[in-house]
Full PDB file with SEQRES, HELIX, SHEET, SSBOND, CRYST1, ORIGX, SCALE, CONECT and MASTER records, all heavy atoms in Angstrom:
SEQRES   1 A   32  HIS GLY LYS HIS VAL LEU ILE ILE ASP CYS ASP SER GLN          
SEQRES   2 A   32  ALA SER GLN THR VAL SER LEU GLY TRP PRO GLN PRO ASP          
SEQRES   3 A   32  GLU LEU PRO VAL THR LEU                                      
HELIX    1 AA1 SER A   15  SER A   19  1                                   5    
HELIX    2 AA2 PRO A   25  GLU A   27  5                                   3    
CRYST1    1.000    1.000    1.000  90.00  90.00  90.00 P 1           1          
ORIGX1      1.000000  0.000000  0.000000        0.00000                         
ORIGX2      0.000000  1.000000  0.000000        0.00000                         
ORIGX3      0.000000  0.000000  1.000000        0.00000                         
SCALE1      1.000000  0.000000  0.000000        0.00000                         
SCALE2      0.000000  1.000000  0.000000        0.00000                         
SCALE3      0.000000  0.000000  1.000000        0.00000                         
ATOM      1  N   HIS A   1      10.095 -11.267  14.347  1.00  0.00           N  
ATOM      2  CA  HIS A   1      11.028 -11.892  15.282  1.00  0.00           C  
ATOM      3  C   HIS A   1      12.477 -11.733  14.854  1.00  0.00           C  
ATOM      4  O   HIS A   1      13.377 -12.443  15.344  1.00  0.00           O  
ATOM      5  CB  HIS A   1      10.690 -13.365  15.504  1.00  0.00           C  
ATOM      6  CG  HIS A   1       9.554 -13.598  16.452  1.00  0.00           C  
ATOM      7  ND1 HIS A   1       8.223 -13.564  16.065  1.00  0.00           N  
ATOM      8  CD2 HIS A   1       9.575 -13.818  17.765  1.00  0.00           C  
ATOM      9  CE1 HIS A   1       7.477 -13.778  17.097  1.00  0.00           C  
ATOM     10  NE2 HIS A   1       8.258 -13.908  18.173  1.00  0.00           N  
ATOM     11  N   GLY A   2      12.708 -10.837  13.910  1.00  0.00           N  
ATOM     12  CA  GLY A   2      14.072 -10.498  13.492  1.00  0.00           C  
ATOM     13  C   GLY A   2      14.692 -11.387  12.445  1.00  0.00           C  
ATOM     14  O   GLY A   2      15.875 -11.312  12.154  1.00  0.00           O  
ATOM     15  N   LYS A   3      13.885 -12.284  11.846  1.00  0.00           N  
ATOM     16  CA  LYS A   3      14.402 -13.149  10.802  1.00  0.00           C  
ATOM     17  C   LYS A   3      14.369 -12.430   9.452  1.00  0.00           C  
ATOM     18  O   LYS A   3      13.514 -11.582   9.229  1.00  0.00           O  
ATOM     19  CB  LYS A   3      13.560 -14.431  10.729  1.00  0.00           C  
ATOM     20  CG  LYS A   3      13.472 -15.201  12.005  1.00  0.00           C  
ATOM     21  CD  LYS A   3      14.799 -15.735  12.445  1.00  0.00           C  
ATOM     22  CE  LYS A   3      14.650 -16.534  13.734  1.00  0.00           C  
ATOM     23  NZ  LYS A   3      15.909 -16.997  14.243  1.00  0.00           N  
ATOM     24  N   HIS A   4      15.272 -12.784   8.568  1.00  0.00           N  
ATOM     25  CA  HIS A   4      15.266 -12.300   7.223  1.00  0.00           C  
ATOM     26  C   HIS A   4      14.343 -13.204   6.414  1.00  0.00           C  
ATOM     27  O   HIS A   4      14.518 -14.428   6.455  1.00  0.00           O  
ATOM     28  CB  HIS A   4      16.665 -12.282   6.614  1.00  0.00           C  
ATOM     29  CG  HIS A   4      17.593 -11.342   7.282  1.00  0.00           C  
ATOM     30  ND1 HIS A   4      17.649 -10.016   6.967  1.00  0.00           N  
ATOM     31  CD2 HIS A   4      18.482 -11.528   8.279  1.00  0.00           C  
ATOM     32  CE1 HIS A   4      18.530  -9.417   7.768  1.00  0.00           C  
ATOM     33  NE2 HIS A   4      19.073 -10.334   8.554  1.00  0.00           N  
ATOM     34  N   VAL A   5      13.418 -12.610   5.690  1.00  0.00           N  
ATOM     35  CA  VAL A   5      12.383 -13.403   4.982  1.00  0.00           C  
ATOM     36  C   VAL A   5      12.366 -13.041   3.528  1.00  0.00           C  
ATOM     37  O   VAL A   5      12.405 -11.852   3.158  1.00  0.00           O  
ATOM     38  CB  VAL A   5      11.000 -13.126   5.626  1.00  0.00           C  
ATOM     39  CG1 VAL A   5       9.909 -13.852   4.861  1.00  0.00           C  
ATOM     40  CG2 VAL A   5      10.999 -13.515   7.088  1.00  0.00           C  
ATOM     41  N   LEU A   6      12.275 -14.029   2.667  1.00  0.00           N  
ATOM     42  CA  LEU A   6      12.082 -13.838   1.225  1.00  0.00           C  
ATOM     43  C   LEU A   6      10.851 -14.666   0.856  1.00  0.00           C  
ATOM     44  O   LEU A   6      10.860 -15.883   1.009  1.00  0.00           O  
ATOM     45  CB  LEU A   6      13.286 -14.304   0.418  1.00  0.00           C  
ATOM     46  CG  LEU A   6      13.112 -14.342  -1.099  1.00  0.00           C  
ATOM     47  CD1 LEU A   6      12.889 -12.925  -1.649  1.00  0.00           C  
ATOM     48  CD2 LEU A   6      14.325 -15.004  -1.742  1.00  0.00           C  
ATOM     49  N   ILE A   7       9.834 -13.999   0.372  1.00  0.00           N  
ATOM     50  CA  ILE A   7       8.621 -14.686  -0.092  1.00  0.00           C  
ATOM     51  C   ILE A   7       8.610 -14.633  -1.613  1.00  0.00           C  
ATOM     52  O   ILE A   7       8.684 -13.563  -2.206  1.00  0.00           O  
ATOM     53  CB  ILE A   7       7.364 -14.051   0.479  1.00  0.00           C  
ATOM     54  CG1 ILE A   7       7.344 -14.181   2.020  1.00  0.00           C  
ATOM     55  CG2 ILE A   7       6.098 -14.680  -0.100  1.00  0.00           C  
ATOM     56  CD1 ILE A   7       6.208 -13.458   2.673  1.00  0.00           C  
ATOM     57  N   ILE A   8       8.527 -15.798  -2.240  1.00  0.00           N  
ATOM     58  CA  ILE A   8       8.504 -15.879  -3.692  1.00  0.00           C  
ATOM     59  C   ILE A   8       7.118 -16.333  -4.131  1.00  0.00           C  
ATOM     60  O   ILE A   8       6.679 -17.409  -3.724  1.00  0.00           O  
ATOM     61  CB  ILE A   8       9.600 -16.854  -4.226  1.00  0.00           C  
ATOM     62  CG1 ILE A   8      10.963 -16.341  -3.787  1.00  0.00           C  
ATOM     63  CG2 ILE A   8       9.522 -16.983  -5.743  1.00  0.00           C  
ATOM     64  CD1 ILE A   8      12.108 -17.291  -4.112  1.00  0.00           C  
ATOM     65  N   ASP A   9       6.464 -15.538  -4.946  1.00  0.00           N  
ATOM     66  CA  ASP A   9       5.142 -15.836  -5.445  1.00  0.00           C  
ATOM     67  C   ASP A   9       5.245 -16.543  -6.808  1.00  0.00           C  
ATOM     68  O   ASP A   9       5.574 -15.927  -7.803  1.00  0.00           O  
ATOM     69  CB  ASP A   9       4.333 -14.549  -5.579  1.00  0.00           C  
ATOM     70  CG  ASP A   9       2.852 -14.770  -5.919  1.00  0.00           C  
ATOM     71  OD1 ASP A   9       2.459 -15.945  -5.995  1.00  0.00           O  
ATOM     72  OD2 ASP A   9       2.155 -13.773  -6.095  1.00  0.00           O  
ATOM     73  N   CYS A  10       5.002 -17.827  -6.834  1.00  0.00           N  
ATOM     74  CA  CYS A  10       5.107 -18.596  -8.093  1.00  0.00           C  
ATOM     75  C   CYS A  10       3.749 -18.735  -8.777  1.00  0.00           C  
ATOM     76  O   CYS A  10       3.660 -19.363  -9.817  1.00  0.00           O  
ATOM     77  CB  CYS A  10       5.667 -19.962  -7.825  1.00  0.00           C  
ATOM     78  SG  CYS A  10       7.369 -19.919  -7.207  1.00  0.00           S  
ATOM     79  N   ASP A  11       2.739 -18.175  -8.225  1.00  0.00           N  
ATOM     80  CA  ASP A  11       1.372 -18.242  -8.798  1.00  0.00           C  
ATOM     81  C   ASP A  11       1.205 -17.248  -9.915  1.00  0.00           C  
ATOM     82  O   ASP A  11       1.546 -16.073  -9.766  1.00  0.00           O  
ATOM     83  CB  ASP A  11       0.377 -17.991  -7.663  1.00  0.00           C  
ATOM     84  CG  ASP A  11      -1.082 -18.152  -8.100  1.00  0.00           C  
ATOM     85  OD1 ASP A  11      -1.303 -18.573  -9.251  1.00  0.00           O  
ATOM     86  OD2 ASP A  11      -1.966 -17.863  -7.307  1.00  0.00           O  
ATOM     87  N   SER A  12       0.687 -17.687 -11.044  1.00  0.00           N  
ATOM     88  CA  SER A  12       0.520 -16.776 -12.182  1.00  0.00           C  
ATOM     89  C   SER A  12      -0.498 -15.689 -11.914  1.00  0.00           C  
ATOM     90  O   SER A  12      -0.497 -14.627 -12.566  1.00  0.00           O  
ATOM     91  CB  SER A  12       0.101 -17.563 -13.433  1.00  0.00           C  
ATOM     92  OG  SER A  12      -1.119 -18.260 -13.180  1.00  0.00           O  
ATOM     93  N   GLN A  13      -1.391 -15.880 -10.932  1.00  0.00           N  
ATOM     94  CA  GLN A  13      -2.353 -14.842 -10.581  1.00  0.00           C  
ATOM     95  C   GLN A  13      -1.771 -13.769  -9.696  1.00  0.00           C  
ATOM     96  O   GLN A  13      -2.341 -12.702  -9.494  1.00  0.00           O  
ATOM     97  CB  GLN A  13      -3.587 -15.441  -9.886  1.00  0.00           C  
ATOM     98  CG  GLN A  13      -4.349 -16.352 -10.803  1.00  0.00           C  
ATOM     99  CD  GLN A  13      -5.503 -17.028 -10.068  1.00  0.00           C  
ATOM    100  OE1 GLN A  13      -5.506 -17.117  -8.850  1.00  0.00           O  
ATOM    101  NE2 GLN A  13      -6.476 -17.513 -10.821  1.00  0.00           N  
ATOM    102  N   ALA A  14      -0.599 -14.015  -9.119  1.00  0.00           N  
ATOM    103  CA  ALA A  14       0.175 -13.046  -8.331  1.00  0.00           C  
ATOM    104  C   ALA A  14      -0.611 -12.552  -7.091  1.00  0.00           C  
ATOM    105  O   ALA A  14      -0.418 -11.431  -6.660  1.00  0.00           O  
ATOM    106  CB  ALA A  14       0.653 -11.883  -9.158  1.00  0.00           C  
ATOM    107  N   SER A  15      -1.448 -13.391  -6.504  1.00  0.00           N  
ATOM    108  CA  SER A  15      -2.202 -12.945  -5.342  1.00  0.00           C  
ATOM    109  C   SER A  15      -1.306 -12.608  -4.149  1.00  0.00           C  
ATOM    110  O   SER A  15      -1.563 -11.672  -3.397  1.00  0.00           O  
ATOM    111  CB  SER A  15      -3.232 -13.974  -4.912  1.00  0.00           C  
ATOM    112  OG  SER A  15      -3.058 -15.207  -5.426  1.00  0.00           O  
ATOM    113  N   GLN A  16      -0.225 -13.330  -3.991  1.00  0.00           N  
ATOM    114  CA  GLN A  16       0.729 -13.054  -2.907  1.00  0.00           C  
ATOM    115  C   GLN A  16       1.363 -11.663  -3.127  1.00  0.00           C  
ATOM    116  O   GLN A  16       1.479 -10.906  -2.181  1.00  0.00           O  
ATOM    117  CB  GLN A  16       1.843 -14.132  -2.876  1.00  0.00           C  
ATOM    118  CG  GLN A  16       2.787 -13.986  -1.741  1.00  0.00           C  
ATOM    119  CD  GLN A  16       2.204 -14.545  -0.496  1.00  0.00           C  
ATOM    120  OE1 GLN A  16       1.702 -15.648  -0.498  1.00  0.00           O  
ATOM    121  NE2 GLN A  16       2.241 -13.817   0.573  1.00  0.00           N  
ATOM    122  N   THR A  17       1.762 -11.389  -4.320  1.00  0.00           N  
ATOM    123  CA  THR A  17       2.389 -10.123  -4.660  1.00  0.00           C  
ATOM    124  C   THR A  17       1.420  -8.979  -4.386  1.00  0.00           C  
ATOM    125  O   THR A  17       1.797  -7.961  -3.793  1.00  0.00           O  
ATOM    126  CB  THR A  17       2.828 -10.114  -6.135  1.00  0.00           C  
ATOM    127  OG1 THR A  17       3.674 -11.241  -6.345  1.00  0.00           O  
ATOM    128  CG2 THR A  17       3.570  -8.865  -6.499  1.00  0.00           C  
ATOM    129  N   VAL A  18       0.169  -9.113  -4.777  1.00  0.00           N  
ATOM    130  CA  VAL A  18      -0.820  -8.077  -4.552  1.00  0.00           C  
ATOM    131  C   VAL A  18      -1.058  -7.877  -3.039  1.00  0.00           C  
ATOM    132  O   VAL A  18      -1.100  -6.758  -2.562  1.00  0.00           O  
ATOM    133  CB  VAL A  18      -2.141  -8.427  -5.281  1.00  0.00           C  
ATOM    134  CG1 VAL A  18      -3.245  -7.428  -4.911  1.00  0.00           C  
ATOM    135  CG2 VAL A  18      -1.915  -8.396  -6.798  1.00  0.00           C  
ATOM    136  N   SER A  19      -1.164  -8.988  -2.332  1.00  0.00           N  
ATOM    137  CA  SER A  19      -1.422  -8.880  -0.865  1.00  0.00           C  
ATOM    138  C   SER A  19      -0.286  -8.241  -0.109  1.00  0.00           C  
ATOM    139  O   SER A  19      -0.494  -7.692   0.977  1.00  0.00           O  
ATOM    140  CB  SER A  19      -1.759 -10.239  -0.285  1.00  0.00           C  
ATOM    141  OG  SER A  19      -0.604 -11.039  -0.174  1.00  0.00           O  
ATOM    142  N   LEU A  20       0.930  -8.271  -0.675  1.00  0.00           N  
ATOM    143  CA  LEU A  20       2.058  -7.642  -0.013  1.00  0.00           C  
ATOM    144  C   LEU A  20       2.291  -6.201  -0.501  1.00  0.00           C  
ATOM    145  O   LEU A  20       3.343  -5.626  -0.212  1.00  0.00           O  
ATOM    146  CB  LEU A  20       3.329  -8.484  -0.206  1.00  0.00           C  
ATOM    147  CG  LEU A  20       3.297  -9.803   0.552  1.00  0.00           C  
ATOM    148  CD1 LEU A  20       4.478 -10.694   0.136  1.00  0.00           C  
ATOM    149  CD2 LEU A  20       3.326  -9.533   2.045  1.00  0.00           C  
ATOM    150  N   GLY A  21       1.336  -5.654  -1.260  1.00  0.00           N  
ATOM    151  CA  GLY A  21       1.409  -4.229  -1.555  1.00  0.00           C  
ATOM    152  C   GLY A  21       1.784  -3.820  -2.968  1.00  0.00           C  
ATOM    153  O   GLY A  21       2.015  -2.659  -3.234  1.00  0.00           O  
ATOM    154  N   TRP A  22       1.835  -4.753  -3.902  1.00  0.00           N  
ATOM    155  CA  TRP A  22       2.131  -4.426  -5.304  1.00  0.00           C  
ATOM    156  C   TRP A  22       0.847  -4.574  -6.102  1.00  0.00           C  
ATOM    157  O   TRP A  22       0.524  -5.659  -6.586  1.00  0.00           O  
ATOM    158  CB  TRP A  22       3.213  -5.315  -5.901  1.00  0.00           C  
ATOM    159  CG  TRP A  22       4.546  -5.111  -5.245  1.00  0.00           C  
ATOM    160  CD1 TRP A  22       5.073  -5.809  -4.212  1.00  0.00           C  
ATOM    161  CD2 TRP A  22       5.489  -4.129  -5.596  1.00  0.00           C  
ATOM    162  NE1 TRP A  22       6.292  -5.311  -3.882  1.00  0.00           N  
ATOM    163  CE2 TRP A  22       6.602  -4.268  -4.732  1.00  0.00           C  
ATOM    164  CE3 TRP A  22       5.545  -3.100  -6.598  1.00  0.00           C  
ATOM    165  CZ2 TRP A  22       7.722  -3.456  -4.784  1.00  0.00           C  
ATOM    166  CZ3 TRP A  22       6.651  -2.307  -6.606  1.00  0.00           C  
ATOM    167  CH2 TRP A  22       7.744  -2.489  -5.755  1.00  0.00           C  
ATOM    168  N   PRO A  23       0.021  -3.511  -6.263  1.00  0.00           N  
ATOM    169  CA  PRO A  23      -1.259  -3.633  -6.909  1.00  0.00           C  
ATOM    170  C   PRO A  23      -1.206  -3.955  -8.420  1.00  0.00           C  
ATOM    171  O   PRO A  23      -2.143  -4.514  -8.955  1.00  0.00           O  
ATOM    172  CB  PRO A  23      -1.901  -2.258  -6.722  1.00  0.00           C  
ATOM    173  CG  PRO A  23      -0.778  -1.322  -6.446  1.00  0.00           C  
ATOM    174  CD  PRO A  23       0.311  -2.131  -5.817  1.00  0.00           C  
ATOM    175  N   GLN A  24      -0.103  -3.682  -9.065  1.00  0.00           N  
ATOM    176  CA  GLN A  24       0.059  -3.999 -10.501  1.00  0.00           C  
ATOM    177  C   GLN A  24       1.286  -4.915 -10.697  1.00  0.00           C  
ATOM    178  O   GLN A  24       2.311  -4.472 -11.175  1.00  0.00           O  
ATOM    179  CB  GLN A  24       0.251  -2.698 -11.295  1.00  0.00           C  
ATOM    180  CG  GLN A  24      -0.907  -1.720 -11.201  1.00  0.00           C  
ATOM    181  CD  GLN A  24      -2.196  -2.284 -11.798  1.00  0.00           C  
ATOM    182  OE1 GLN A  24      -2.129  -3.066 -12.754  1.00  0.00           O  
ATOM    183  NE2 GLN A  24      -3.321  -1.944 -11.225  1.00  0.00           N  
ATOM    184  N   PRO A  25       1.143  -6.190 -10.379  1.00  0.00           N  
ATOM    185  CA  PRO A  25       2.345  -7.068 -10.492  1.00  0.00           C  
ATOM    186  C   PRO A  25       2.871  -7.218 -11.904  1.00  0.00           C  
ATOM    187  O   PRO A  25       4.053  -7.517 -12.091  1.00  0.00           O  
ATOM    188  CB  PRO A  25       1.835  -8.421  -9.948  1.00  0.00           C  
ATOM    189  CG  PRO A  25       0.357  -8.334  -9.952  1.00  0.00           C  
ATOM    190  CD  PRO A  25      -0.026  -6.886  -9.872  1.00  0.00           C  
ATOM    191  N   ASP A  26       2.029  -6.973 -12.920  1.00  0.00           N  
ATOM    192  CA  ASP A  26       2.524  -7.069 -14.288  1.00  0.00           C  
ATOM    193  C   ASP A  26       3.483  -5.931 -14.644  1.00  0.00           C  
ATOM    194  O   ASP A  26       4.191  -6.000 -15.668  1.00  0.00           O  
ATOM    195  CB  ASP A  26       1.335  -7.038 -15.293  1.00  0.00           C  
ATOM    196  CG  ASP A  26       0.526  -8.310 -15.225  1.00  0.00           C  
ATOM    197  OD1 ASP A  26       1.053  -9.352 -14.827  1.00  0.00           O  
ATOM    198  OD2 ASP A  26      -0.679  -8.254 -15.530  1.00  0.00           O  
ATOM    199  N   GLU A  27       3.553  -4.897 -13.819  1.00  0.00           N  
ATOM    200  CA  GLU A  27       4.432  -3.753 -14.094  1.00  0.00           C  
ATOM    201  C   GLU A  27       5.761  -3.843 -13.322  1.00  0.00           C  
ATOM    202  O   GLU A  27       6.563  -2.922 -13.389  1.00  0.00           O  
ATOM    203  CB  GLU A  27       3.695  -2.455 -13.750  1.00  0.00           C  
ATOM    204  CG  GLU A  27       2.477  -2.221 -14.636  1.00  0.00           C  
ATOM    205  CD  GLU A  27       1.703  -0.980 -14.228  1.00  0.00           C  
ATOM    206  OE1 GLU A  27       2.138  -0.217 -13.369  1.00  0.00           O  
ATOM    207  OE2 GLU A  27       0.638  -0.766 -14.844  1.00  0.00           O  
ATOM    208  N   LEU A  28       5.995  -4.918 -12.608  1.00  0.00           N  
ATOM    209  CA  LEU A  28       7.273  -5.063 -11.897  1.00  0.00           C  
ATOM    210  C   LEU A  28       8.417  -5.269 -12.894  1.00  0.00           C  
ATOM    211  O   LEU A  28       8.261  -6.049 -13.856  1.00  0.00           O  
ATOM    212  CB  LEU A  28       7.218  -6.257 -10.957  1.00  0.00           C  
ATOM    213  CG  LEU A  28       6.365  -6.089  -9.693  1.00  0.00           C  
ATOM    214  CD1 LEU A  28       6.194  -7.421  -8.966  1.00  0.00           C  
ATOM    215  CD2 LEU A  28       6.996  -5.078  -8.775  1.00  0.00           C  
ATOM    216  N   PRO A  29       9.536  -4.610 -12.736  1.00  0.00           N  
ATOM    217  CA  PRO A  29      10.621  -4.751 -13.703  1.00  0.00           C  
ATOM    218  C   PRO A  29      11.260  -6.110 -13.712  1.00  0.00           C  
ATOM    219  O   PRO A  29      11.719  -6.588 -14.752  1.00  0.00           O  
ATOM    220  CB  PRO A  29      11.615  -3.693 -13.267  1.00  0.00           C  
ATOM    221  CG  PRO A  29      11.345  -3.427 -11.817  1.00  0.00           C  
ATOM    222  CD  PRO A  29       9.867  -3.701 -11.658  1.00  0.00           C  
ATOM    223  N   VAL A  30      11.336  -6.808 -12.573  1.00  0.00           N  
ATOM    224  CA  VAL A  30      11.930  -8.128 -12.472  1.00  0.00           C  
ATOM    225  C   VAL A  30      10.957  -9.039 -11.810  1.00  0.00           C  
ATOM    226  O   VAL A  30      10.408  -8.767 -10.733  1.00  0.00           O  
ATOM    227  CB  VAL A  30      13.253  -8.088 -11.660  1.00  0.00           C  
ATOM    228  CG1 VAL A  30      13.830  -9.485 -11.553  1.00  0.00           C  
ATOM    229  CG2 VAL A  30      14.265  -7.151 -12.286  1.00  0.00           C  
ATOM    230  N   THR A  31      10.672 -10.155 -12.460  1.00  0.00           N  
ATOM    231  CA  THR A  31       9.775 -11.165 -11.857  1.00  0.00           C  
ATOM    232  C   THR A  31      10.454 -12.546 -11.970  1.00  0.00           C  
ATOM    233  O   THR A  31      11.466 -12.685 -12.653  1.00  0.00           O  
ATOM    234  CB  THR A  31       8.422 -11.234 -12.616  1.00  0.00           C  
ATOM    235  OG1 THR A  31       8.683 -11.671 -13.948  1.00  0.00           O  
ATOM    236  CG2 THR A  31       7.745  -9.882 -12.630  1.00  0.00           C  
ATOM    237  N   LEU A  32       9.864 -13.541 -11.334  1.00  0.00           N  
ATOM    238  CA  LEU A  32      10.402 -14.879 -11.444  1.00  0.00           C  
ATOM    239  C   LEU A  32      10.416 -15.342 -12.899  1.00  0.00           C  
ATOM    240  O   LEU A  32      11.340 -15.956 -13.391  1.00  0.00           O  
ATOM    241  CB  LEU A  32       9.604 -15.838 -10.568  1.00  0.00           C  
ATOM    242  CG  LEU A  32      10.048 -17.252 -10.498  1.00  0.00           C  
ATOM    243  CD1 LEU A  32      11.470 -17.377  -9.991  1.00  0.00           C  
ATOM    244  CD2 LEU A  32       9.125 -18.094  -9.598  1.00  0.00           C  
TER     245      LEU A  32                                                      
MASTER        0    0    0    2    0    0    0    6  244    1    0    3          
END                                                                             
């Protein structure tokens, strides 16, 4: 609907991150 969205995954299992297309969340250069 044209809104700017920021989703922050605070879960240590990173299920949100994985579901949004990052299969290896431990390899992200910047995390929370």
